[in-house]
Amino acid sequence: MSRIILPDSAKPYKANITTPAWMITGMEKVMQFYVDRNLKLDTVSADMMPSPIEGRKYMLYAHIPFCHTLCSYCTFHRFLFKEDKARSYFVSLRKEMDMVKNLGYDFDSMYIGGGTTTVLEDELARTIEHAKKLFPNIKEVSCESDPQHVDSPGFKLLEGLVDRMSIGVQSFNDDILTMTDRIEKFGNGQQTFDKIMAAKELFPIINIDLIFGFRGQTDEVIQQDLDMASKLDPRQITTYPLMVTHQTRKSVKSKLAAPSGDMMRQYHQILNTLNGQYNQLSAWAFGKANNEGFDEYVIDYDEYLGVGSGSFSFLDDTLYVNTFSLKKYHQQINSGRMGVEQQKNYGRKEVMQYRFLLGMFSGRLSRKYFRDTFGVNLDTALFKEMASMRAIGAIKNDPTDPDNLIITDNGKMMGLLMMKEFYSGMDNVRAQLRKPLAESDM
């Protein structure tokens, strides 16, 4: 797919978001409907991944489900860190990678997420080395961490192994950090800034994760966060909207989340500040180069295979889900089976709608992609979706390329909202899969 048409960096960027608030609210409700319908847990059992299809490109995802502390607004699959359980888990993770190799897969990229991937840097380093030995075509390894680990002695073990390190800052503002219970866990904003500055030289790409949409996050606070991030001069900055799920509604919506109307104004400010300093890689990601991987790996890879407890895979229009029980995960791996336990097949129209969402979010909506991938005319195959985006001024034809669609600032806002609702839906799925876990599963 083609990329977002970037502004002339010599001119100050002036965002032009004209979508009325009622239309944004309506879009959120439409997305909630589709997400609730298509992410239902009407799966069937599975005990093995399919073999790869020749000629297709795959990415390897590895999940590390441990954190030293659990943030109230996060519903990712994670457990409180215990060293013995974590070390045993990394052993099983490497065994599952061996099984993936035996199926015939190869990868040119690896993404490691959590949880906190760096809870045991020595085990993480060993796991990356193992992956690169099994899959020598891996050219890029992306990894997530938090400010607590950035200045630990073991962090340096990852130098030369991790190409892109994404650090979950969320905010440099001490009031926001106090409200979200992060200041005691990770230090104040200035301490976080200093830690990242000291660790910058360890990795070719540093990404700073920021979150907007917190209660009390005024325009001044947003600007200070953006300015602090810019002073660090990272290769990438990602600005996530705060996501409220069914599970975090009580703890987040009433205590942490700003009124929904603030989001458009804050996003407008983000676009104006970062465009010109950075190229826009997606609705919420900004980078100094267009050809580097970033957090939303599903944009660059139609298919990916996940290893580890609670990981997801999307292979040949089928979603595979690994067990969320640590106990069951170890039992399956030790018996020679992979961690997968459920699968759900999606129809062609559902997959096209998913790719349309990703195209809007990434700014790479392309008629050629849909023609080559699905053998359809995008304008007729997804007539309702295309018509609604045209009606609100979210897309327009590229006069220089009839196959390409330009995503306007209204479209970027829609892409952000659509992806936010999709990720919130995935968080709800994770929470439902974790709900039946007993103490012995953890």
Protein backbone atom coordinates (compact mmCIF):
# COMPACT_ATOMS: atom_id res chain seq x y z
CA MET A 1 0.00 0.00 0.00
CA SER A 2 1.16 3.57 -0.61
CA ARG A 3 2.06 5.84 2.31
CA ILE A 4 0.54 9.04 3.65
CA ILE A 5 1.30 12.06 1.48
CA LEU A 6 3.66 14.02 3.69
CA PRO A 7 3.55 17.80 4.11
CA ASP A 8 6.29 20.14 3.00
CA SER A 9 8.51 20.13 6.10
CA ALA A 10 9.57 23.71 5.38
CA LYS A 11 6.07 24.97 6.13
CA PRO A 12 4.34 24.87 9.54
CA TYR A 13 1.69 22.16 9.53
CA LYS A 14 -1.87 23.36 10.09
CA ALA A 15 -4.23 20.47 10.77
CA ASN A 16 -7.69 20.76 9.24
CA ILE A 17 -10.05 18.50 11.19
CA THR A 18 -13.58 19.61 10.36
CA THR A 19 -15.53 16.48 11.27
CA PRO A 20 -18.34 17.48 13.69
CA ALA A 21 -18.39 15.91 17.15
CA TRP A 22 -21.71 14.13 16.54
CA MET A 23 -20.24 12.38 13.52
CA ILE A 24 -17.22 11.22 15.50
CA THR A 25 -19.53 9.83 18.19
CA GLY A 26 -21.53 8.07 15.49
CA MET A 27 -18.40 6.56 13.97
CA GLU A 28 -17.33 5.24 17.37
CA LYS A 29 -20.71 3.53 17.80
CA VAL A 30 -20.53 1.99 14.32
CA MET A 31 -17.03 0.69 15.05
CA GLN A 32 -18.16 -0.70 18.41
CA PHE A 33 -20.93 -2.59 16.60
CA TYR A 34 -18.55 -4.16 14.07
CA VAL A 35 -15.89 -4.91 16.69
CA ASP A 36 -18.39 -6.58 19.03
CA ARG A 37 -19.78 -8.62 16.14
CA ASN A 38 -16.49 -9.70 14.59
CA LEU A 39 -14.45 -10.22 17.77
CA LYS A 40 -16.93 -12.54 19.46
CA LEU A 41 -15.24 -15.53 21.08
CA ASP A 42 -17.12 -18.07 18.96
CA THR A 43 -13.91 -19.98 18.32
CA VAL A 44 -13.26 -23.67 17.87
CA SER A 45 -10.48 -25.65 19.50
CA ALA A 46 -7.06 -25.93 17.87
CA ASP A 47 -3.83 -27.65 18.88
CA MET A 48 -1.46 -26.85 16.00
CA MET A 49 -0.63 -23.94 13.71
CA PRO A 50 -0.95 -24.45 9.94
CA SER A 51 2.11 -24.79 7.77
CA PRO A 52 3.30 -21.66 5.93
CA ILE A 53 2.12 -20.93 2.39
CA GLU A 54 4.93 -20.53 -0.10
CA GLY A 55 5.56 -16.96 -1.23
CA ARG A 56 3.87 -15.26 1.71
CA LYS A 57 5.63 -12.94 4.13
CA TYR A 58 5.30 -13.55 7.87
CA MET A 59 6.31 -11.75 11.04
CA LEU A 60 7.13 -13.46 14.35
CA TYR A 61 5.50 -12.09 17.51
CA ALA A 62 6.62 -13.20 20.99
CA HIS A 63 4.66 -12.34 24.14
CA ILE A 64 6.23 -11.87 27.60
CA PRO A 65 3.33 -11.80 30.11
CA PHE A 66 5.05 -10.42 33.22
CA CYS A 67 5.17 -7.01 34.89
CA HIS A 68 6.59 -5.85 38.21
CA THR A 69 3.46 -3.72 38.69
CA LEU A 70 0.07 -3.76 36.96
CA CYS A 71 -1.29 -0.46 35.60
CA SER A 72 -5.03 0.07 36.13
CA TYR A 73 -5.71 1.23 32.55
CA CYS A 74 -3.97 -1.75 30.88
CA THR A 75 -5.76 -4.97 29.90
CA PHE A 76 -2.90 -6.65 28.06
CA HIS A 77 -2.21 -10.22 29.11
CA ARG A 78 0.19 -10.02 32.05
CA PHE A 79 0.92 -11.45 35.49
CA LEU A 80 2.86 -10.12 38.45
CA PHE A 81 6.53 -10.97 37.98
CA LYS A 82 8.00 -13.95 39.81
CA GLU A 83 11.51 -14.84 38.74
CA ASP A 84 11.18 -18.62 38.82
CA LYS A 85 7.99 -18.54 36.73
CA ALA A 86 9.48 -16.06 34.29
CA ARG A 87 12.68 -18.06 33.72
CA SER A 88 10.66 -21.24 33.17
CA TYR A 89 8.45 -19.34 30.74
CA PHE A 90 11.36 -18.18 28.57
CA VAL A 91 12.53 -21.81 28.27
CA SER A 92 9.08 -22.84 27.01
CA LEU A 93 8.98 -19.87 24.66
CA ARG A 94 12.20 -20.97 22.98
CA LYS A 95 10.85 -24.53 22.66
CA GLU A 96 7.76 -23.20 20.92
CA MET A 97 9.99 -21.31 18.49
CA ASP A 98 11.65 -24.64 17.66
CA MET A 99 8.22 -26.06 16.78
CA VAL A 100 7.52 -23.06 14.53
CA LYS A 101 10.81 -23.70 12.73
CA ASN A 102 9.90 -27.36 12.26
CA LEU A 103 6.65 -26.30 10.55
CA GLY A 104 8.77 -24.55 7.91
CA TYR A 105 8.23 -20.89 8.78
CA ASP A 106 10.76 -18.14 8.17
CA PHE A 107 10.58 -14.50 9.20
CA ASP A 108 12.31 -11.25 8.34
CA SER A 109 11.01 -9.35 11.36
CA MET A 110 10.33 -10.08 15.04
CA TYR A 111 8.23 -8.08 17.52
CA ILE A 112 8.41 -8.74 21.27
CA GLY A 113 5.57 -7.39 23.39
CA GLY A 114 4.13 -7.72 26.86
CA GLY A 115 3.70 -7.30 29.70
CA THR A 116 7.17 -5.97 30.20
CA THR A 117 9.55 -7.74 27.87
CA THR A 118 12.67 -6.70 29.82
CA VAL A 119 11.80 -8.22 33.22
CA LEU A 120 14.78 -10.58 32.72
CA GLU A 121 17.17 -9.07 30.20
CA ASP A 122 19.48 -12.09 30.16
CA GLU A 123 16.61 -14.43 29.23
CA LEU A 124 15.31 -11.98 26.66
CA ALA A 125 18.76 -11.70 25.06
CA ARG A 126 19.04 -15.50 24.97
CA THR A 127 15.61 -15.74 23.35
CA ILE A 128 16.42 -13.18 20.64
CA GLU A 129 19.71 -14.95 19.89
CA HIS A 130 17.80 -18.24 19.61
CA ALA A 131 15.25 -16.68 17.23
CA LYS A 132 17.97 -15.26 15.01
CA LYS A 133 19.70 -18.64 14.90
CA LEU A 134 16.46 -20.41 13.93
CA PHE A 135 15.38 -17.71 11.49
CA PRO A 136 18.55 -16.10 10.07
CA ASN A 137 16.51 -13.88 7.72
CA ILE A 138 15.29 -11.76 10.66
CA LYS A 139 16.56 -8.28 9.87
CA GLU A 140 14.76 -6.25 12.53
CA VAL A 141 13.82 -6.95 16.15
CA SER A 142 11.42 -4.56 17.87
CA CYS A 143 10.94 -4.66 21.62
CA GLU A 144 8.93 -2.84 24.30
CA SER A 145 10.04 -1.71 27.75
CA ASP A 146 9.21 0.80 30.46
CA PRO A 147 11.26 3.52 32.20
CA GLN A 148 12.00 1.26 35.19
CA HIS A 149 14.37 -0.96 33.20
CA VAL A 150 16.05 1.56 30.93
CA ASP A 151 18.92 2.24 33.32
CA SER A 152 19.32 -1.29 34.71
CA PRO A 153 22.74 -2.95 34.16
CA GLY A 154 21.12 -5.81 32.23
CA PHE A 155 19.58 -3.45 29.69
CA LYS A 156 22.93 -3.21 27.93
CA LEU A 157 22.73 -6.94 27.14
CA LEU A 158 20.20 -6.03 24.47
CA GLU A 159 22.58 -3.77 22.55
CA GLY A 160 23.23 -5.28 19.13
CA LEU A 161 20.20 -7.58 19.47
CA VAL A 162 17.30 -5.11 19.50
CA ASP A 163 17.01 -2.73 16.55
CA ARG A 164 14.01 -0.78 17.82
CA MET A 165 13.23 -0.19 21.50
CA SER A 166 9.84 1.30 22.34
CA ILE A 167 9.63 2.87 25.80
CA GLY A 168 6.24 3.38 27.45
CA VAL A 169 6.58 6.89 28.90
CA GLN A 170 2.86 7.79 28.64
CA SER A 171 3.56 11.30 30.04
CA PHE A 172 6.42 13.36 31.44
CA ASN A 173 3.97 15.36 33.57
CA ASP A 174 4.29 14.53 37.27
CA ASP A 175 0.60 15.16 37.98
CA ILE A 176 -0.43 12.67 35.27
CA LEU A 177 2.17 10.18 36.47
CA THR A 178 0.88 10.50 40.05
CA MET A 179 -2.74 10.08 38.95
CA THR A 180 -1.87 6.90 37.03
CA ASP A 181 0.26 5.46 39.88
CA ARG A 182 3.38 5.53 37.71
CA ILE A 183 5.53 8.05 39.56
CA GLU A 184 6.28 5.63 42.44
CA LYS A 185 6.91 2.78 40.02
CA PHE A 186 9.02 4.48 37.37
CA GLY A 187 10.13 7.86 38.74
CA ASN A 188 9.13 11.40 37.84
CA GLY A 189 9.14 12.92 34.38
CA GLN A 190 12.63 14.39 34.58
CA GLN A 191 14.08 11.10 35.84
CA THR A 192 12.43 9.27 32.94
CA PHE A 193 13.81 11.85 30.50
CA ASP A 194 17.35 11.43 31.88
CA LYS A 195 17.18 7.61 31.76
CA ILE A 196 16.09 7.58 28.13
CA MET A 197 18.72 10.14 27.15
CA ALA A 198 21.42 7.92 28.68
CA ALA A 199 20.13 4.80 26.88
CA LYS A 200 19.60 6.36 23.45
CA GLU A 201 22.89 5.18 22.01
CA LEU A 202 22.17 1.51 22.76
CA PHE A 203 19.68 1.04 19.91
CA PRO A 204 19.42 2.28 16.31
CA ILE A 205 15.78 3.27 16.87
CA ILE A 206 14.23 4.57 20.07
CA ASN A 207 10.47 5.10 20.15
CA ILE A 208 8.73 7.18 22.82
CA ASP A 209 5.16 6.14 23.65
CA LEU A 210 2.89 8.94 24.87
CA ILE A 211 -0.81 8.75 25.78
CA PHE A 212 -3.31 11.57 25.39
CA GLY A 213 -6.86 11.74 26.71
CA PHE A 214 -6.06 11.73 30.45
CA ARG A 215 -8.16 13.83 32.80
CA GLY A 216 -6.36 17.09 33.59
CA GLN A 217 -4.18 16.83 30.47
CA THR A 218 -4.53 20.43 29.31
CA ASP A 219 -3.19 21.84 26.07
CA GLU A 220 -0.17 23.04 28.04
CA VAL A 221 0.48 19.56 29.45
CA ILE A 222 0.16 17.98 25.99
CA GLN A 223 2.59 20.53 24.58
CA GLN A 224 5.08 19.96 27.40
CA ASP A 225 4.97 16.20 26.75
CA LEU A 226 5.54 16.71 23.03
CA ASP A 227 8.35 19.19 23.67
CA MET A 228 10.07 16.85 26.16
CA ALA A 229 9.81 13.97 23.70
CA SER A 230 11.18 16.14 20.90
CA LYS A 231 14.15 17.20 23.05
CA LEU A 232 15.10 13.55 23.38
CA ASP A 233 15.20 13.52 19.56
CA PRO A 234 14.07 9.89 19.21
CA ARG A 235 13.70 8.32 15.79
CA GLN A 236 10.00 7.71 16.50
CA ILE A 237 7.20 9.09 18.69
CA THR A 238 3.87 7.29 19.13
CA THR A 239 0.87 9.15 20.56
CA TYR A 240 -1.86 6.72 21.67
CA PRO A 241 -5.33 7.82 22.74
CA LEU A 242 -6.33 6.50 26.17
CA MET A 243 -8.44 3.40 25.53
CA VAL A 244 -11.44 2.63 27.75
CA THR A 245 -12.58 -1.00 27.61
CA HIS A 246 -15.43 -2.84 29.29
CA GLN A 247 -12.96 -4.02 31.93
CA THR A 248 -11.36 -0.64 32.65
CA ARG A 249 -14.52 1.47 32.40
CA LYS A 250 -14.95 1.85 36.17
CA SER A 251 -11.28 2.44 36.99
CA VAL A 252 -10.45 4.57 33.96
CA LYS A 253 -13.49 6.41 32.61
CA SER A 254 -14.54 8.09 35.87
CA LYS A 255 -11.04 8.66 37.28
CA LEU A 256 -8.49 8.89 34.49
CA ALA A 257 -10.21 9.68 31.19
CA ALA A 258 -10.82 13.19 29.92
CA PRO A 259 -14.19 14.07 28.35
CA SER A 260 -14.43 12.51 24.90
CA GLY A 261 -14.71 15.93 23.27
CA ASP A 262 -11.14 16.76 24.26
CA MET A 263 -9.67 14.11 21.98
CA MET A 264 -10.17 15.96 18.70
CA ARG A 265 -8.60 19.15 20.05
CA GLN A 266 -5.63 17.26 21.50
CA TYR A 267 -5.11 15.28 18.29
CA HIS A 268 -5.21 18.52 16.31
CA GLN A 269 -2.42 19.83 18.55
CA ILE A 270 -0.35 16.66 18.09
CA LEU A 271 -0.60 16.85 14.29
CA ASN A 272 0.46 20.50 14.26
CA THR A 273 3.43 19.88 16.57
CA LEU A 274 4.93 16.68 15.18
CA ASN A 275 4.27 16.99 11.46
CA GLY A 276 7.25 18.84 10.02
CA GLN A 277 9.58 17.48 12.72
CA TYR A 278 8.61 13.91 11.77
CA ASN A 279 6.96 12.04 8.93
CA GLN A 280 3.56 10.62 9.83
CA LEU A 281 3.73 6.81 9.71
CA SER A 282 0.14 6.18 10.82
CA ALA A 283 -2.68 8.07 12.50
CA TRP A 284 -0.73 8.06 15.76
CA ALA A 285 2.87 7.18 14.89
CA PHE A 286 5.57 9.59 13.70
CA GLY A 287 9.08 8.78 12.50
CA LYS A 288 12.16 10.33 10.95
CA ALA A 289 12.20 7.73 8.17
CA ASN A 290 9.38 6.12 6.19
CA ASN A 291 10.96 2.68 5.88
CA GLU A 292 11.27 1.66 9.55
CA GLY A 293 9.01 -0.72 11.45
CA PHE A 294 6.80 0.63 14.21
CA ASP A 295 4.39 -0.59 16.89
CA GLU A 296 1.48 -1.48 14.61
CA TYR A 297 3.23 -4.35 12.84
CA VAL A 298 -0.14 -5.54 11.44
CA ILE A 299 0.17 -2.73 8.88
CA ASP A 300 3.34 -4.07 7.29
CA TYR A 301 2.46 -7.76 7.71
CA ASP A 302 -0.87 -9.21 6.58
CA GLU A 303 0.04 -12.43 8.38
CA TYR A 304 1.92 -12.98 11.62
CA LEU A 305 2.55 -15.90 13.96
CA GLY A 306 2.53 -15.45 17.74
CA VAL A 307 4.35 -17.55 20.31
CA GLY A 308 3.89 -17.45 24.06
CA SER A 309 0.93 -17.45 26.42
CA GLY A 310 -1.84 -15.10 25.32
CA SER A 311 -0.39 -14.39 21.88
CA PHE A 312 -2.50 -14.06 18.73
CA SER A 313 -1.70 -15.20 15.19
CA PHE A 314 -3.42 -14.30 11.93
CA LEU A 315 -2.69 -16.86 9.24
CA ASP A 316 -4.61 -17.41 6.00
CA ASP A 317 -7.72 -15.48 7.18
CA THR A 318 -7.81 -17.37 10.49
CA LEU A 319 -7.20 -15.97 13.97
CA TYR A 320 -5.34 -18.33 16.32
CA VAL A 321 -5.23 -17.74 20.08
CA ASN A 322 -2.65 -19.23 22.43
CA THR A 323 -3.74 -20.34 25.89
CA PHE A 324 -3.81 -17.62 28.53
CA SER A 325 -3.04 -20.12 31.29
CA LEU A 326 0.67 -20.31 32.17
CA LYS A 327 0.14 -23.78 33.61
CA LYS A 328 -1.54 -25.07 30.46
CA TYR A 329 1.03 -23.35 28.26
CA HIS A 330 3.91 -25.19 29.96
CA GLN A 331 1.99 -28.49 29.82
CA GLN A 332 1.35 -28.15 26.10
CA ILE A 333 4.92 -27.17 25.26
CA ASN A 334 6.41 -29.94 27.40
CA SER A 335 4.17 -32.49 25.68
CA GLY A 336 5.45 -31.37 22.27
CA ARG A 337 2.43 -29.25 21.33
CA MET A 338 2.34 -25.54 20.56
CA GLY A 339 0.56 -23.06 22.83
CA VAL A 340 -2.44 -22.54 20.52
CA GLU A 341 -5.86 -23.64 21.80
CA GLN A 342 -8.49 -21.72 19.77
CA GLN A 343 -9.07 -20.58 16.22
CA LYS A 344 -11.64 -18.50 14.34
CA ASN A 345 -11.98 -18.23 10.58
CA TYR A 346 -13.04 -14.93 9.01
CA GLY A 347 -14.97 -14.51 5.77
CA ARG A 348 -13.62 -12.61 2.80
CA LYS A 349 -15.80 -9.51 3.42
CA GLU A 350 -14.72 -9.34 7.08
CA VAL A 351 -11.06 -9.52 6.11
CA MET A 352 -11.53 -6.78 3.51
CA GLN A 353 -13.18 -4.55 6.14
CA TYR A 354 -10.22 -5.21 8.44
CA ARG A 355 -7.76 -4.27 5.70
CA PHE A 356 -9.82 -1.16 4.98
CA LEU A 357 -9.52 -0.15 8.64
CA LEU A 358 -5.75 -0.64 8.50
CA GLY A 359 -5.55 1.33 5.25
CA MET A 360 -7.37 4.29 6.81
CA PHE A 361 -5.23 4.11 9.94
CA SER A 362 -1.91 3.82 8.11
CA GLY A 363 -2.70 6.25 5.30
CA ARG A 364 -2.02 3.50 2.78
CA LEU A 365 -5.49 2.95 1.34
CA SER A 366 -4.89 1.63 -2.16
CA ARG A 367 -7.18 0.36 -4.89
CA LYS A 368 -4.29 -1.68 -6.28
CA TYR A 369 -3.81 -3.50 -2.97
CA PHE A 370 -7.45 -4.64 -2.92
CA ARG A 371 -7.32 -5.56 -6.59
CA ASP A 372 -4.13 -7.60 -6.22
CA THR A 373 -5.00 -9.18 -2.85
CA PHE A 374 -8.74 -9.84 -3.18
CA GLY A 375 -9.40 -9.42 -6.90
CA VAL A 376 -12.02 -6.73 -6.28
CA ASN A 377 -12.75 -3.12 -7.10
CA LEU A 378 -12.44 -1.33 -3.76
CA ASP A 379 -15.05 1.31 -4.65
CA THR A 380 -17.77 -1.30 -5.27
CA ALA A 381 -16.68 -4.15 -2.94
CA LEU A 382 -16.73 -1.82 0.08
CA PHE A 383 -19.21 0.73 -1.30
CA LYS A 384 -20.72 1.75 2.08
CA GLU A 385 -17.32 2.19 3.73
CA MET A 386 -15.93 4.22 0.85
CA ALA A 387 -19.07 6.36 0.55
CA SER A 388 -19.11 7.20 4.26
CA MET A 389 -15.44 8.21 4.23
CA ARG A 390 -15.99 10.41 1.17
CA ALA A 391 -19.04 12.01 2.77
CA ILE A 392 -17.04 13.27 5.75
CA GLY A 393 -14.05 14.33 3.67
CA ALA A 394 -11.80 11.59 5.02
CA ILE A 395 -10.44 10.46 1.65
CA LYS A 396 -9.89 11.93 -1.78
CA ASN A 397 -8.44 10.69 -5.04
CA ASP A 398 -4.76 11.26 -5.71
CA PRO A 399 -4.60 13.27 -8.98
CA THR A 400 -1.17 11.79 -9.76
CA ASP A 401 -2.12 8.14 -9.14
CA PRO A 402 -5.65 6.76 -9.72
CA ASP A 403 -4.88 3.69 -7.59
CA ASN A 404 -3.94 5.74 -4.53
CA LEU A 405 -6.28 7.46 -2.08
CA ILE A 406 -5.10 10.45 -0.04
CA ILE A 407 -6.07 10.34 3.65
CA THR A 408 -6.98 13.85 4.81
CA ASP A 409 -6.72 15.14 8.38
CA ASN A 410 -10.38 14.16 8.83
CA GLY A 411 -9.38 10.71 7.61
CA LYS A 412 -6.49 10.51 10.06
CA MET A 413 -8.91 11.33 12.86
CA MET A 414 -11.28 8.60 11.63
CA GLY A 415 -8.40 6.15 11.31
CA LEU A 416 -7.35 6.91 14.87
CA LEU A 417 -10.89 6.37 16.20
CA MET A 418 -11.38 3.17 14.20
CA MET A 419 -8.11 1.68 15.41
CA LYS A 420 -8.81 2.79 18.99
CA GLU A 421 -12.12 0.93 18.97
CA PHE A 422 -10.52 -2.12 17.34
CA TYR A 423 -7.78 -2.28 19.99
CA SER A 424 -10.33 -1.73 22.75
CA GLY A 425 -12.24 -4.69 21.34
CA MET A 426 -9.09 -6.82 21.37
CA ASP A 427 -8.50 -5.78 24.98
CA ASN A 428 -12.03 -6.96 25.80
CA VAL A 429 -11.24 -10.31 24.17
CA ARG A 430 -8.09 -10.64 26.27
CA ALA A 431 -10.00 -9.84 29.44
CA GLN A 432 -12.64 -12.45 28.62
CA LEU A 433 -9.97 -15.07 27.98
CA ARG A 434 -8.31 -14.26 31.31
CA LYS A 435 -11.55 -14.24 33.30
CA PRO A 436 -11.84 -18.04 33.78
CA LEU A 437 -8.21 -18.40 34.93
CA ALA A 438 -7.80 -19.84 38.42
CA GLU A 439 -4.93 -19.10 40.81
CA SER A 440 -3.21 -22.28 39.66
CA ASP A 441 -3.18 -21.01 36.06
CA MET A 442 -1.10 -17.97 36.89
